[in-house]
Amino acid sequence: MTKIVLDKVPAEMIILFGSYAPGDWVEDYQKKYEYVSDFDILIVTKYRDTSLRTV
């Protein structure tokens, strides 16, 4: 996931938080429903508008 983010955005920092950070994620599959934890990430960039960067 880090590589995908860095290929698209000049990230200074990528922070994983939520249930995946401490390892408390859930993957529960039953006949009638499915509950799977999502990824919560915070991407910190140097500039507010990343479309202005030069590649």
Protein backbone atom coordinates (compact mmCIF):
# COMPACT_ATOMS: atom_id res chain seq x y z
CA MET A 1 0.00 0.00 0.00
CA THR A 2 2.88 2.35 0.77
CA LYS A 3 4.31 1.99 -2.74
CA ILE A 4 0.92 2.74 -4.32
CA VAL A 5 0.60 5.94 -2.27
CA LEU A 6 4.17 7.06 -2.97
CA ASP A 7 3.70 6.48 -6.72
CA LYS A 8 0.78 8.94 -6.68
CA VAL A 9 1.57 11.50 -3.96
CA PRO A 10 4.78 13.05 -2.60
CA ALA A 11 4.05 11.85 0.93
CA GLU A 12 6.15 13.05 3.84
CA MET A 13 4.52 10.57 6.20
CA ILE A 14 2.00 7.72 5.96
CA ILE A 15 0.25 6.80 9.20
CA LEU A 16 -1.81 3.65 9.70
CA PHE A 17 -4.34 3.93 12.51
CA GLY A 18 -7.59 2.26 13.48
CA SER A 19 -7.98 -1.46 14.02
CA TYR A 20 -5.14 -2.53 11.72
CA ALA A 21 -2.50 -0.52 13.62
CA PRO A 22 -2.55 -2.60 16.83
CA GLY A 23 -3.59 -5.77 14.99
CA ASP A 24 -7.25 -5.83 16.08
CA TRP A 25 -8.80 -6.07 12.63
CA VAL A 26 -11.86 -8.21 11.95
CA GLU A 27 -12.66 -10.56 9.11
CA ASP A 28 -16.01 -12.17 9.92
CA TYR A 29 -17.91 -14.00 7.20
CA GLN A 30 -21.34 -15.45 7.96
CA LYS A 31 -24.07 -16.77 5.68
CA LYS A 32 -26.16 -13.60 5.91
CA TYR A 33 -23.52 -10.88 6.27
CA GLU A 34 -19.88 -10.00 5.91
CA TYR A 35 -17.94 -7.70 8.24
CA VAL A 36 -14.38 -6.79 7.35
CA SER A 37 -12.32 -3.97 8.87
CA ASP A 38 -11.23 -1.17 6.57
CA PHE A 39 -7.85 0.54 6.40
CA ASP A 40 -7.55 3.92 8.12
CA ILE A 41 -4.59 5.89 6.81
CA LEU A 42 -3.44 9.48 7.09
CA ILE A 43 -1.16 10.83 4.37
CA VAL A 44 0.86 13.93 5.24
CA THR A 45 2.23 15.93 2.30
CA LYS A 46 4.55 18.90 2.21
CA TYR A 47 2.20 20.89 -0.03
CA ARG A 48 -1.55 21.32 0.26
CA ASP A 49 -2.23 20.89 -3.47
CA THR A 50 -0.31 17.83 -4.73
CA SER A 51 -1.38 18.49 -8.34
CA LEU A 52 1.19 21.33 -8.43
CA ARG A 53 4.19 19.04 -8.03
CA THR A 54 6.56 18.48 -10.92
CA VAL A 55 7.57 14.98 -11.85
